[in-house]
Amino acid sequence: LAEPAPVSLARTQQELERLQLREEATMTELRVFLRDMLKVLLRDKRFTYFSRPIDVEDVPDYYDVIESPMTFSMMLEKVD
């Protein structure tokens, strides 16, 4: 039996560029979705606690329990 021809695992430059464009498009779509969702949450009164940093006077042990607090505004900055 003849051995099969070796298959190259290396990607061509064109394939790499196409993959990068697809990844950028996916990331753009994700950013738009996350921004829209965060804006919806910011407008919803049920989530007002997440619209601004928590006041230690209101919840004294908050920063003992939550190691990396983040508001919706901070999330929006990270999404961008």
PDB file of N, CA and C in Angstrom:
ATOM      1  N   LEU A   1       0.833  -1.191   0.000  1.00  0.00           N
ATOM      2  CA  LEU A   1       0.000   0.000   0.000  1.00  0.00           C
ATOM      3  C   LEU A   1       0.870   1.244   0.000  1.00  0.00           C
ATOM      4  N   ALA A   2       0.425   2.214  -0.753  1.00  0.00           N
ATOM      5  CA  ALA A   2       1.165   3.477  -0.819  1.00  0.00           C
ATOM      6  C   ALA A   2       0.798   4.331   0.387  1.00  0.00           C
ATOM      7  N   GLU A   3       1.778   5.020   0.899  1.00  0.00           N
ATOM      8  CA  GLU A   3       1.521   5.919   2.035  1.00  0.00           C
ATOM      9  C   GLU A   3       0.830   7.176   1.535  1.00  0.00           C
ATOM     10  N   PRO A   4      -0.096   7.705   2.332  1.00  0.00           N
ATOM     11  CA  PRO A   4      -0.764   8.951   1.916  1.00  0.00           C
ATOM     12  C   PRO A   4       0.236  10.103   1.890  1.00  0.00           C
ATOM     13  N   ALA A   5      -0.055  11.052   1.028  1.00  0.00           N
ATOM     14  CA  ALA A   5       0.810  12.234   0.924  1.00  0.00           C
ATOM     15  C   ALA A   5       0.736  13.008   2.230  1.00  0.00           C
ATOM     16  N   PRO A   6       1.850  13.562   2.685  1.00  0.00           N
ATOM     17  CA  PRO A   6       1.822  14.338   3.931  1.00  0.00           C
ATOM     18  C   PRO A   6       0.924  15.566   3.783  1.00  0.00           C
ATOM     19  N   VAL A   7       0.221  15.865   4.860  1.00  0.00           N
ATOM     20  CA  VAL A   7      -0.681  17.018   4.880  1.00  0.00           C
ATOM     21  C   VAL A   7       0.012  18.148   5.620  1.00  0.00           C
ATOM     22  N   SER A   8       0.011  19.309   5.013  1.00  0.00           N
ATOM     23  CA  SER A   8       0.634  20.467   5.656  1.00  0.00           C
ATOM     24  C   SER A   8      -0.331  21.046   6.683  1.00  0.00           C
ATOM     25  N   LEU A   9       0.152  21.209   7.901  1.00  0.00           N
ATOM     26  CA  LEU A   9      -0.669  21.800   8.957  1.00  0.00           C
ATOM     27  C   LEU A   9      -0.495  23.310   9.020  1.00  0.00           C
ATOM     28  N   ALA A  10       0.448  23.800   8.260  1.00  0.00           N
ATOM     29  CA  ALA A  10       0.695  25.243   8.269  1.00  0.00           C
ATOM     30  C   ALA A  10      -0.429  25.954   7.518  1.00  0.00           C
ATOM     31  N   ARG A  11      -0.864  27.050   8.061  1.00  0.00           N
ATOM     32  CA  ARG A  11      -1.913  27.836   7.412  1.00  0.00           C
ATOM     33  C   ARG A  11      -1.264  28.828   6.446  1.00  0.00           C
ATOM     34  N   THR A  12      -1.960  29.060   5.358  1.00  0.00           N
ATOM     35  CA  THR A  12      -1.451  30.044   4.406  1.00  0.00           C
ATOM     36  C   THR A  12      -1.715  31.441   4.953  1.00  0.00           C
ATOM     37  N   GLN A  13      -1.014  32.399   4.415  1.00  0.00           N
ATOM     38  CA  GLN A  13      -1.210  33.792   4.837  1.00  0.00           C
ATOM     39  C   GLN A  13      -2.654  34.218   4.595  1.00  0.00           C
ATOM     40  N   GLN A  14      -3.221  33.784   3.486  1.00  0.00           N
ATOM     41  CA  GLN A  14      -4.611  34.132   3.163  1.00  0.00           C
ATOM     42  C   GLN A  14      -5.571  33.530   4.199  1.00  0.00           C
ATOM     43  N   GLU A  15      -5.335  32.296   4.606  1.00  0.00           N
ATOM     44  CA  GLU A  15      -6.182  31.671   5.630  1.00  0.00           C
ATOM     45  C   GLU A  15      -6.070  32.416   6.954  1.00  0.00           C
ATOM     46  N   LEU A  16      -4.860  32.796   7.317  1.00  0.00           N
ATOM     47  CA  LEU A  16      -4.654  33.538   8.563  1.00  0.00           C
ATOM     48  C   LEU A  16      -5.370  34.880   8.536  1.00  0.00           C
ATOM     49  N   GLU A  17      -5.298  35.571   7.403  1.00  0.00           N
ATOM     50  CA  GLU A  17      -5.977  36.868   7.279  1.00  0.00           C
ATOM     51  C   GLU A  17      -7.489  36.685   7.367  1.00  0.00           C
ATOM     52  N   ARG A  18      -8.004  35.630   6.727  1.00  0.00           N
ATOM     53  CA  ARG A  18      -9.444  35.365   6.777  1.00  0.00           C
ATOM     54  C   ARG A  18      -9.886  35.043   8.207  1.00  0.00           C
ATOM     55  N   LEU A  19      -9.097  34.243   8.909  1.00  0.00           N
ATOM     56  CA  LEU A  19      -9.414  33.925  10.303  1.00  0.00           C
ATOM     57  C   LEU A  19      -9.383  35.173  11.181  1.00  0.00           C
ATOM     58  N   GLN A  20      -8.405  36.035  10.948  1.00  0.00           N
ATOM     59  CA  GLN A  20      -8.307  37.262  11.741  1.00  0.00           C
ATOM     60  C   GLN A  20      -9.508  38.165  11.485  1.00  0.00           C
ATOM     61  N   LEU A  21      -9.909  38.291  10.226  1.00  0.00           N
ATOM     62  CA  LEU A  21     -11.081  39.114   9.905  1.00  0.00           C
ATOM     63  C   LEU A  21     -12.342  38.544  10.554  1.00  0.00           C
ATOM     64  N   ARG A  22     -12.475  37.223  10.532  1.00  0.00           N
ATOM     65  CA  ARG A  22     -13.646  36.593  11.153  1.00  0.00           C
ATOM     66  C   ARG A  22     -13.645  36.815  12.663  1.00  0.00           C
ATOM     67  N   GLU A  23     -12.464  36.705  13.269  1.00  0.00           N
ATOM     68  CA  GLU A  23     -12.357  36.939  14.714  1.00  0.00           C
ATOM     69  C   GLU A  23     -12.690  38.388  15.062  1.00  0.00           C
ATOM     70  N   GLU A  24     -12.198  39.333  14.267  1.00  0.00           N
ATOM     71  CA  GLU A  24     -12.500  40.748  14.513  1.00  0.00           C
ATOM     72  C   GLU A  24     -13.994  41.015  14.378  1.00  0.00           C
ATOM     73  N   ALA A  25     -14.630  40.413  13.380  1.00  0.00           N
ATOM     74  CA  ALA A  25     -16.072  40.597  13.191  1.00  0.00           C
ATOM     75  C   ALA A  25     -16.846  40.012  14.371  1.00  0.00           C
ATOM     76  N   THR A  26     -16.417  38.856  14.846  1.00  0.00           N
ATOM     77  CA  THR A  26     -17.067  38.228  16.000  1.00  0.00           C
ATOM     78  C   THR A  26     -16.910  39.093  17.241  1.00  0.00           C
ATOM     79  N   MET A  27     -15.718  39.625  17.455  1.00  0.00           N
ATOM     80  CA  MET A  27     -15.473  40.480  18.621  1.00  0.00           C
ATOM     81  C   MET A  27     -16.296  41.764  18.538  1.00  0.00           C
ATOM     82  N   THR A  28     -16.414  42.334  17.357  1.00  0.00           N
ATOM     83  CA  THR A  28     -17.228  43.539  17.185  1.00  0.00           C
ATOM     84  C   THR A  28     -18.685  43.236  17.519  1.00  0.00           C
ATOM     85  N   GLU A  29     -19.173  42.111  17.023  1.00  0.00           N
ATOM     86  CA  GLU A  29     -20.555  41.707  17.306  1.00  0.00           C
ATOM     87  C   GLU A  29     -20.759  41.495  18.807  1.00  0.00           C
ATOM     88  N   LEU A  30     -19.800  40.880  19.454  1.00  0.00           N
ATOM     89  CA  LEU A  30     -19.883  40.651  20.898  1.00  0.00           C
ATOM     90  C   LEU A  30     -19.880  41.973  21.662  1.00  0.00           C
ATOM     91  N   ARG A  31     -19.006  42.901  21.279  1.00  0.00           N
ATOM     92  CA  ARG A  31     -18.958  44.211  21.952  1.00  0.00           C
ATOM     93  C   ARG A  31     -20.287  44.948  21.828  1.00  0.00           C
ATOM     94  N   VAL A  32     -20.865  44.932  20.634  1.00  0.00           N
ATOM     95  CA  VAL A  32     -22.155  45.602  20.413  1.00  0.00           C
ATOM     96  C   VAL A  32     -23.220  44.972  21.310  1.00  0.00           C
ATOM     97  N   PHE A  33     -23.262  43.645  21.350  1.00  0.00           N
ATOM     98  CA  PHE A  33     -24.235  42.944  22.187  1.00  0.00           C
ATOM     99  C   PHE A  33     -24.044  43.296  23.660  1.00  0.00           C
ATOM    100  N   LEU A  34     -22.799  43.241  24.141  1.00  0.00           N
ATOM    101  CA  LEU A  34     -22.531  43.532  25.553  1.00  0.00           C
ATOM    102  C   LEU A  34     -22.880  44.976  25.903  1.00  0.00           C
ATOM    103  N   ARG A  35     -22.536  45.921  25.021  1.00  0.00           N
ATOM    104  CA  ARG A  35     -22.899  47.325  25.265  1.00  0.00           C
ATOM    105  C   ARG A  35     -24.406  47.481  25.382  1.00  0.00           C
ATOM    106  N   ASP A  36     -25.127  46.877  24.444  1.00  0.00           N
ATOM    107  CA  ASP A  36     -26.593  46.977  24.461  1.00  0.00           C
ATOM    108  C   ASP A  36     -27.172  46.382  25.741  1.00  0.00           C
ATOM    109  N   MET A  37     -26.674  45.226  26.145  1.00  0.00           N
ATOM    110  CA  MET A  37     -27.175  44.582  27.364  1.00  0.00           C
ATOM    111  C   MET A  37     -26.866  45.420  28.604  1.00  0.00           C
ATOM    112  N   LEU A  38     -25.667  45.960  28.673  1.00  0.00           N
ATOM    113  CA  LEU A  38     -25.307  46.780  29.835  1.00  0.00           C
ATOM    114  C   LEU A  38     -26.156  48.043  29.898  1.00  0.00           C
ATOM    115  N   LYS A  39     -26.464  48.626  28.748  1.00  0.00           N
ATOM    116  CA  LYS A  39     -27.316  49.819  28.732  1.00  0.00           C
ATOM    117  C   LYS A  39     -28.730  49.486  29.201  1.00  0.00           C
ATOM    118  N   VAL A  40     -29.220  48.317  28.819  1.00  0.00           N
ATOM    119  CA  VAL A  40     -30.542  47.872  29.293  1.00  0.00           C
ATOM    120  C   VAL A  40     -30.514  47.717  30.810  1.00  0.00           C
ATOM    121  N   LEU A  41     -29.479  47.085  31.317  1.00  0.00           N
ATOM    122  CA  LEU A  41     -29.364  46.880  32.764  1.00  0.00           C
ATOM    123  C   LEU A  41     -29.220  48.206  33.509  1.00  0.00           C
ATOM    124  N   LEU A  42     -28.493  49.147  32.931  1.00  0.00           N
ATOM    125  CA  LEU A  42     -28.334  50.463  33.568  1.00  0.00           C
ATOM    126  C   LEU A  42     -29.669  51.191  33.708  1.00  0.00           C
ATOM    127  N   ARG A  43     -30.561  50.988  32.745  1.00  0.00           N
ATOM    128  CA  ARG A  43     -31.868  51.665  32.790  1.00  0.00           C
ATOM    129  C   ARG A  43     -32.861  50.969  33.716  1.00  0.00           C
ATOM    130  N   ASP A  44     -32.595  49.745  34.071  1.00  0.00           N
ATOM    131  CA  ASP A  44     -33.521  48.960  34.889  1.00  0.00           C
ATOM    132  C   ASP A  44     -33.313  49.291  36.367  1.00  0.00           C
ATOM    133  N   LYS A  45     -34.357  49.763  37.003  1.00  0.00           N
ATOM    134  CA  LYS A  45     -34.278  50.187  38.414  1.00  0.00           C
ATOM    135  C   LYS A  45     -33.897  49.047  39.357  1.00  0.00           C
ATOM    136  N   ARG A  46     -34.171  47.810  38.955  1.00  0.00           N
ATOM    137  CA  ARG A  46     -33.837  46.674  39.825  1.00  0.00           C
ATOM    138  C   ARG A  46     -32.331  46.506  40.017  1.00  0.00           C
ATOM    139  N   PHE A  47     -31.550  47.107  39.136  1.00  0.00           N
ATOM    140  CA  PHE A  47     -30.103  46.915  39.188  1.00  0.00           C
ATOM    141  C   PHE A  47     -29.345  48.189  39.552  1.00  0.00           C
ATOM    142  N   THR A  48     -30.008  49.097  40.253  1.00  0.00           N
ATOM    143  CA  THR A  48     -29.357  50.366  40.594  1.00  0.00           C
ATOM    144  C   THR A  48     -28.115  50.172  41.459  1.00  0.00           C
ATOM    145  N   TYR A  49     -28.070  49.093  42.229  1.00  0.00           N
ATOM    146  CA  TYR A  49     -26.886  48.848  43.066  1.00  0.00           C
ATOM    147  C   TYR A  49     -25.623  48.679  42.227  1.00  0.00           C
ATOM    148  N   PHE A  50     -25.799  48.289  40.975  1.00  0.00           N
ATOM    149  CA  PHE A  50     -24.643  48.059  40.112  1.00  0.00           C
ATOM    150  C   PHE A  50     -24.319  49.251  39.221  1.00  0.00           C
ATOM    151  N   SER A  51     -25.052  50.333  39.385  1.00  0.00           N
ATOM    152  CA  SER A  51     -24.808  51.502  38.542  1.00  0.00           C
ATOM    153  C   SER A  51     -23.731  52.420  39.113  1.00  0.00           C
ATOM    154  N   ARG A  52     -23.445  52.271  40.391  1.00  0.00           N
ATOM    155  CA  ARG A  52     -22.401  53.102  41.019  1.00  0.00           C
ATOM    156  C   ARG A  52     -21.701  52.272  42.093  1.00  0.00           C
ATOM    157  N   PRO A  53     -20.516  52.683  42.491  1.00  0.00           N
ATOM    158  CA  PRO A  53     -19.805  51.922  43.534  1.00  0.00           C
ATOM    159  C   PRO A  53     -20.628  51.848  44.823  1.00  0.00           C
ATOM    160  N   ILE A  54     -20.506  50.748  45.519  1.00  0.00           N
ATOM    161  CA  ILE A  54     -21.235  50.534  46.771  1.00  0.00           C
ATOM    162  C   ILE A  54     -20.617  51.387  47.871  1.00  0.00           C
ATOM    163  N   ASP A  55     -21.476  52.031  48.633  1.00  0.00           N
ATOM    164  CA  ASP A  55     -21.027  52.852  49.760  1.00  0.00           C
ATOM    165  C   ASP A  55     -20.788  51.946  50.965  1.00  0.00           C
ATOM    166  N   VAL A  56     -19.621  52.053  51.547  1.00  0.00           N
ATOM    167  CA  VAL A  56     -19.253  51.222  52.699  1.00  0.00           C
ATOM    168  C   VAL A  56     -20.186  51.468  53.878  1.00  0.00           C
ATOM    169  N   GLU A  57     -20.747  52.652  53.973  1.00  0.00           N
ATOM    170  CA  GLU A  57     -21.682  52.933  55.067  1.00  0.00           C
ATOM    171  C   GLU A  57     -22.973  52.122  54.910  1.00  0.00           C
ATOM    172  N   ASP A  58     -23.368  51.871  53.667  1.00  0.00           N
ATOM    173  CA  ASP A  58     -24.585  51.085  53.418  1.00  0.00           C
ATOM    174  C   ASP A  58     -24.342  49.589  53.621  1.00  0.00           C
ATOM    175  N   VAL A  59     -23.191  49.121  53.175  1.00  0.00           N
ATOM    176  CA  VAL A  59     -22.857  47.688  53.262  1.00  0.00           C
ATOM    177  C   VAL A  59     -21.415  47.583  53.755  1.00  0.00           C
ATOM    178  N   PRO A  60     -21.225  47.597  55.073  1.00  0.00           N
ATOM    179  CA  PRO A  60     -19.871  47.667  55.644  1.00  0.00           C
ATOM    180  C   PRO A  60     -18.916  46.549  55.213  1.00  0.00           C
ATOM    181  N   ASP A  61     -19.425  45.341  55.034  1.00  0.00           N
ATOM    182  CA  ASP A  61     -18.514  44.237  54.700  1.00  0.00           C
ATOM    183  C   ASP A  61     -18.465  43.916  53.203  1.00  0.00           C
ATOM    184  N   TYR A  62     -19.038  44.784  52.385  1.00  0.00           N
ATOM    185  CA  TYR A  62     -19.102  44.523  50.941  1.00  0.00           C
ATOM    186  C   TYR A  62     -17.721  44.233  50.357  1.00  0.00           C
ATOM    187  N   TYR A  63     -16.763  45.076  50.659  1.00  0.00           N
ATOM    188  CA  TYR A  63     -15.430  44.926  50.068  1.00  0.00           C
ATOM    189  C   TYR A  63     -14.628  43.791  50.709  1.00  0.00           C
ATOM    190  N   ASP A  64     -15.119  43.248  51.813  1.00  0.00           N
ATOM    191  CA  ASP A  64     -14.516  42.037  52.373  1.00  0.00           C
ATOM    192  C   ASP A  64     -14.986  40.805  51.595  1.00  0.00           C
ATOM    193  N   VAL A  65     -16.220  40.870  51.130  1.00  0.00           N
ATOM    194  CA  VAL A  65     -16.817  39.738  50.424  1.00  0.00           C
ATOM    195  C   VAL A  65     -16.510  39.793  48.926  1.00  0.00           C
ATOM    196  N   ILE A  66     -16.617  40.974  48.350  1.00  0.00           N
ATOM    197  CA  ILE A  66     -16.410  41.154  46.912  1.00  0.00           C
ATOM    198  C   ILE A  66     -14.988  41.658  46.686  1.00  0.00           C
ATOM    199  N   GLU A  67     -14.152  40.821  46.106  1.00  0.00           N
ATOM    200  CA  GLU A  67     -12.743  41.171  45.927  1.00  0.00           C
ATOM    201  C   GLU A  67     -12.513  42.164  44.794  1.00  0.00           C
ATOM    202  N   SER A  68     -13.266  42.029  43.720  1.00  0.00           N
ATOM    203  CA  SER A  68     -13.077  42.900  42.553  1.00  0.00           C
ATOM    204  C   SER A  68     -14.412  43.508  42.142  1.00  0.00           C
ATOM    205  N   PRO A  69     -14.884  44.498  42.892  1.00  0.00           N
ATOM    206  CA  PRO A  69     -16.178  45.099  42.561  1.00  0.00           C
ATOM    207  C   PRO A  69     -16.118  45.815  41.214  1.00  0.00           C
ATOM    208  N   MET A  70     -17.260  45.802  40.515  1.00  0.00           N
ATOM    209  CA  MET A  70     -17.299  46.443  39.210  1.00  0.00           C
ATOM    210  C   MET A  70     -18.710  46.948  38.939  1.00  0.00           C
ATOM    211  N   THR A  71     -18.814  48.189  38.544  1.00  0.00           N
ATOM    212  CA  THR A  71     -20.106  48.766  38.182  1.00  0.00           C
ATOM    213  C   THR A  71     -20.371  48.515  36.698  1.00  0.00           C
ATOM    214  N   PHE A  72     -21.603  48.755  36.274  1.00  0.00           N
ATOM    215  CA  PHE A  72     -21.928  48.617  34.858  1.00  0.00           C
ATOM    216  C   PHE A  72     -21.092  49.576  34.017  1.00  0.00           C
ATOM    217  N   SER A  73     -20.859  50.778  34.523  1.00  0.00           N
ATOM    218  CA  SER A  73     -20.042  51.748  33.785  1.00  0.00           C
ATOM    219  C   SER A  73     -18.619  51.239  33.602  1.00  0.00           C
ATOM    220  N   MET A  74     -18.086  50.617  34.634  1.00  0.00           N
ATOM    221  CA  MET A  74     -16.741  50.043  34.527  1.00  0.00           C
ATOM    222  C   MET A  74     -16.726  48.914  33.498  1.00  0.00           C
ATOM    223  N   MET A  75     -17.804  48.131  33.474  1.00  0.00           N
ATOM    224  CA  MET A  75     -17.898  47.049  32.489  1.00  0.00           C
ATOM    225  C   MET A  75     -17.938  47.612  31.076  1.00  0.00           C
ATOM    226  N   LEU A  76     -18.702  48.702  30.897  1.00  0.00           N
ATOM    227  CA  LEU A  76     -18.766  49.333  29.575  1.00  0.00           C
ATOM    228  C   LEU A  76     -17.381  49.785  29.116  1.00  0.00           C
ATOM    229  N   GLU A  77     -16.612  50.366  30.021  1.00  0.00           N
ATOM    230  CA  GLU A  77     -15.252  50.785  29.673  1.00  0.00           C
ATOM    231  C   GLU A  77     -14.410  49.592  29.243  1.00  0.00           C
ATOM    232  N   LYS A  78     -14.538  48.480  29.934  1.00  0.00           N
ATOM    233  CA  LYS A  78     -13.756  47.287  29.598  1.00  0.00           C
ATOM    234  C   LYS A  78     -14.192  46.680  28.265  1.00  0.00           C
ATOM    235  N   VAL A  79     -15.478  46.767  27.955  1.00  0.00           N
ATOM    236  CA  VAL A  79     -15.980  46.230  26.689  1.00  0.00           C
ATOM    237  C   VAL A  79     -15.381  47.001  25.522  1.00  0.00           C
ATOM    238  N   ASP A  80     -15.253  48.311  25.699  1.00  0.00           N
ATOM    239  CA  ASP A  80     -14.682  49.136  24.627  1.00  0.00           C
ATOM    240  C   ASP A  80     -13.190  48.939  24.582  1.00  0.00           C
TER     241      ASP A  80
END
